[in-house]
Amino acid sequence: MADAVIVSGIATGKPVDAEKLTLAKKISPVPVIVGSGTTYDNLPKLWKYADGFIVGTWIKKDGKTKNDIDLRKARKLVDFEFYFPKDLLPIDV
């Protein structure tokens, strides 16, 4: 059995379909992870339907995957989780 289910958008950096995410959360016996397209702006909408998030493109400077991490964006995500905490199950890798 899988340790988690990852629901992604149609390509790197593209947002996940909220209906598919909701369905996955409803039927999955394991944690559901958003695999692409998470941004600070759509995080509130996705927050209640996912157990975790893989954030890559959005957190990079100018949204370019090869660029360094934009620390301002990283702080925004950390602050969001701080002010809206939820218990995330650790996933052993």
C-alpha atoms as a PDB file:
ATOM      1  CA  MET A   1       0.000   0.000   0.000  1.00  0.00           C
ATOM      2  CA  ALA A   2       1.158   3.546  -0.727  1.00  0.00           C
ATOM      3  CA  ASP A   3       2.160   5.870   2.115  1.00  0.00           C
ATOM      4  CA  ALA A   4       0.380   8.806   0.460  1.00  0.00           C
ATOM      5  CA  VAL A   5      -1.449   9.930  -2.663  1.00  0.00           C
ATOM      6  CA  ILE A   6      -0.116  12.901  -4.627  1.00  0.00           C
ATOM      7  CA  VAL A   7      -2.609  14.910  -6.665  1.00  0.00           C
ATOM      8  CA  SER A   8      -1.016  17.235  -9.226  1.00  0.00           C
ATOM      9  CA  GLY A   9      -2.025  19.748 -11.843  1.00  0.00           C
ATOM     10  CA  ILE A  10      -1.526  19.154 -15.558  1.00  0.00           C
ATOM     11  CA  ALA A  11       2.138  20.277 -15.468  1.00  0.00           C
ATOM     12  CA  THR A  12       4.864  21.603 -13.182  1.00  0.00           C
ATOM     13  CA  GLY A  13       3.601  24.682 -11.379  1.00  0.00           C
ATOM     14  CA  LYS A  14       0.033  24.239 -12.606  1.00  0.00           C
ATOM     15  CA  PRO A  15      -2.652  24.144  -9.905  1.00  0.00           C
ATOM     16  CA  VAL A  16      -4.426  20.997  -8.894  1.00  0.00           C
ATOM     17  CA  ASP A  17      -8.099  20.592  -9.796  1.00  0.00           C
ATOM     18  CA  ALA A  18      -9.949  21.272  -6.516  1.00  0.00           C
ATOM     19  CA  GLU A  19     -12.687  18.750  -7.344  1.00  0.00           C
ATOM     20  CA  LYS A  20     -10.144  15.979  -7.925  1.00  0.00           C
ATOM     21  CA  LEU A  21      -8.355  16.899  -4.716  1.00  0.00           C
ATOM     22  CA  THR A  22     -11.617  16.799  -2.771  1.00  0.00           C
ATOM     23  CA  LEU A  23     -12.485  13.394  -4.245  1.00  0.00           C
ATOM     24  CA  ALA A  24      -9.028  12.014  -3.471  1.00  0.00           C
ATOM     25  CA  LYS A  25      -9.304  13.189   0.135  1.00  0.00           C
ATOM     26  CA  LYS A  26     -12.738  11.658   0.467  1.00  0.00           C
ATOM     27  CA  ILE A  27     -11.756   8.195  -0.780  1.00  0.00           C
ATOM     28  CA  SER A  28      -8.094   7.864   0.187  1.00  0.00           C
ATOM     29  CA  PRO A  29      -7.165   5.804   3.246  1.00  0.00           C
ATOM     30  CA  VAL A  30      -3.734   7.492   3.276  1.00  0.00           C
ATOM     31  CA  PRO A  31      -2.660  11.169   3.407  1.00  0.00           C
ATOM     32  CA  VAL A  32      -3.324  13.278   0.305  1.00  0.00           C
ATOM     33  CA  ILE A  33      -0.551  15.601  -0.858  1.00  0.00           C
ATOM     34  CA  VAL A  34      -0.893  18.465  -3.355  1.00  0.00           C
ATOM     35  CA  GLY A  35       1.942  17.904  -5.816  1.00  0.00           C
ATOM     36  CA  SER A  36       1.930  21.041  -7.938  1.00  0.00           C
ATOM     37  CA  GLY A  37       0.629  24.541  -8.290  1.00  0.00           C
ATOM     38  CA  THR A  38       0.479  25.518  -4.632  1.00  0.00           C
ATOM     39  CA  THR A  39       0.756  29.269  -4.138  1.00  0.00           C
ATOM     40  CA  TYR A  40       0.104  31.536  -1.201  1.00  0.00           C
ATOM     41  CA  ASP A  41      -3.073  32.718  -2.925  1.00  0.00           C
ATOM     42  CA  ASN A  42      -4.629  29.283  -3.435  1.00  0.00           C
ATOM     43  CA  LEU A  43      -3.358  27.720  -0.200  1.00  0.00           C
ATOM     44  CA  PRO A  44      -6.439  28.750   1.841  1.00  0.00           C
ATOM     45  CA  LYS A  45      -8.718  27.014  -0.669  1.00  0.00           C
ATOM     46  CA  LEU A  46      -6.648  23.802  -0.719  1.00  0.00           C
ATOM     47  CA  TRP A  47      -5.700  23.735   2.979  1.00  0.00           C
ATOM     48  CA  LYS A  48      -8.690  21.784   4.240  1.00  0.00           C
ATOM     49  CA  TYR A  49      -8.507  19.137   1.510  1.00  0.00           C
ATOM     50  CA  ALA A  50      -4.839  18.174   1.701  1.00  0.00           C
ATOM     51  CA  ASP A  51      -2.559  16.685   4.315  1.00  0.00           C
ATOM     52  CA  GLY A  52       0.544  18.234   2.823  1.00  0.00           C
ATOM     53  CA  PHE A  53       1.961  20.261  -0.037  1.00  0.00           C
ATOM     54  CA  ILE A  54       4.949  19.995  -2.355  1.00  0.00           C
ATOM     55  CA  VAL A  55       5.929  23.556  -3.175  1.00  0.00           C
ATOM     56  CA  GLY A  56       8.548  24.133  -5.844  1.00  0.00           C
ATOM     57  CA  THR A  57       7.969  26.554  -8.689  1.00  0.00           C
ATOM     58  CA  TRP A  58       6.047  29.202  -6.758  1.00  0.00           C
ATOM     59  CA  ILE A  59       8.656  29.474  -4.013  1.00  0.00           C
ATOM     60  CA  LYS A  60      11.499  30.087  -6.486  1.00  0.00           C
ATOM     61  CA  LYS A  61      12.566  33.590  -7.512  1.00  0.00           C
ATOM     62  CA  ASP A  62      10.541  34.688 -10.551  1.00  0.00           C
ATOM     63  CA  GLY A  63       8.850  31.263 -10.583  1.00  0.00           C
ATOM     64  CA  LYS A  64      11.836  29.701 -12.351  1.00  0.00           C
ATOM     65  CA  THR A  65      12.710  26.230 -11.077  1.00  0.00           C
ATOM     66  CA  LYS A  66      16.462  26.739 -11.453  1.00  0.00           C
ATOM     67  CA  ASN A  67      16.481  29.992  -9.463  1.00  0.00           C
ATOM     68  CA  ASP A  68      17.170  30.273  -5.740  1.00  0.00           C
ATOM     69  CA  ILE A  69      14.361  30.147  -3.217  1.00  0.00           C
ATOM     70  CA  ASP A  70      12.622  33.458  -2.646  1.00  0.00           C
ATOM     71  CA  LEU A  71      12.867  33.797   1.137  1.00  0.00           C
ATOM     72  CA  ARG A  72       9.965  36.277   1.251  1.00  0.00           C
ATOM     73  CA  LYS A  73       7.672  33.677  -0.334  1.00  0.00           C
ATOM     74  CA  ALA A  74       8.996  30.932   1.929  1.00  0.00           C
ATOM     75  CA  ARG A  75       8.253  33.068   4.991  1.00  0.00           C
ATOM     76  CA  LYS A  76       4.689  33.676   3.771  1.00  0.00           C
ATOM     77  CA  LEU A  77       4.046  29.930   3.618  1.00  0.00           C
ATOM     78  CA  VAL A  78       5.582  29.335   7.029  1.00  0.00           C
ATOM     79  CA  ASP A  79       3.537  32.159   8.512  1.00  0.00           C
ATOM     80  CA  PHE A  80       0.361  30.762   6.966  1.00  0.00           C
ATOM     81  CA  GLU A  81       0.932  27.396   8.624  1.00  0.00           C
ATOM     82  CA  PHE A  82       1.776  29.119  11.910  1.00  0.00           C
ATOM     83  CA  TYR A  83      -1.461  31.100  11.957  1.00  0.00           C
ATOM     84  CA  PHE A  84      -3.633  28.281  10.580  1.00  0.00           C
ATOM     85  CA  PRO A  85      -2.018  25.145  12.055  1.00  0.00           C
ATOM     86  CA  LYS A  86      -3.231  21.643  11.451  1.00  0.00           C
ATOM     87  CA  ASP A  87      -1.853  18.285  12.358  1.00  0.00           C
ATOM     88  CA  LEU A  88       0.069  16.920   9.412  1.00  0.00           C
ATOM     89  CA  LEU A  89       0.938  13.266   9.547  1.00  0.00           C
ATOM     90  CA  PRO A  90       4.643  12.637   8.944  1.00  0.00           C
ATOM     91  CA  ILE A  91       5.375  10.501   5.910  1.00  0.00           C
ATOM     92  CA  ASP A  92       8.336   8.176   6.119  1.00  0.00           C
ATOM     93  CA  VAL A  93      10.441   8.367   2.978  1.00  0.00           C
END
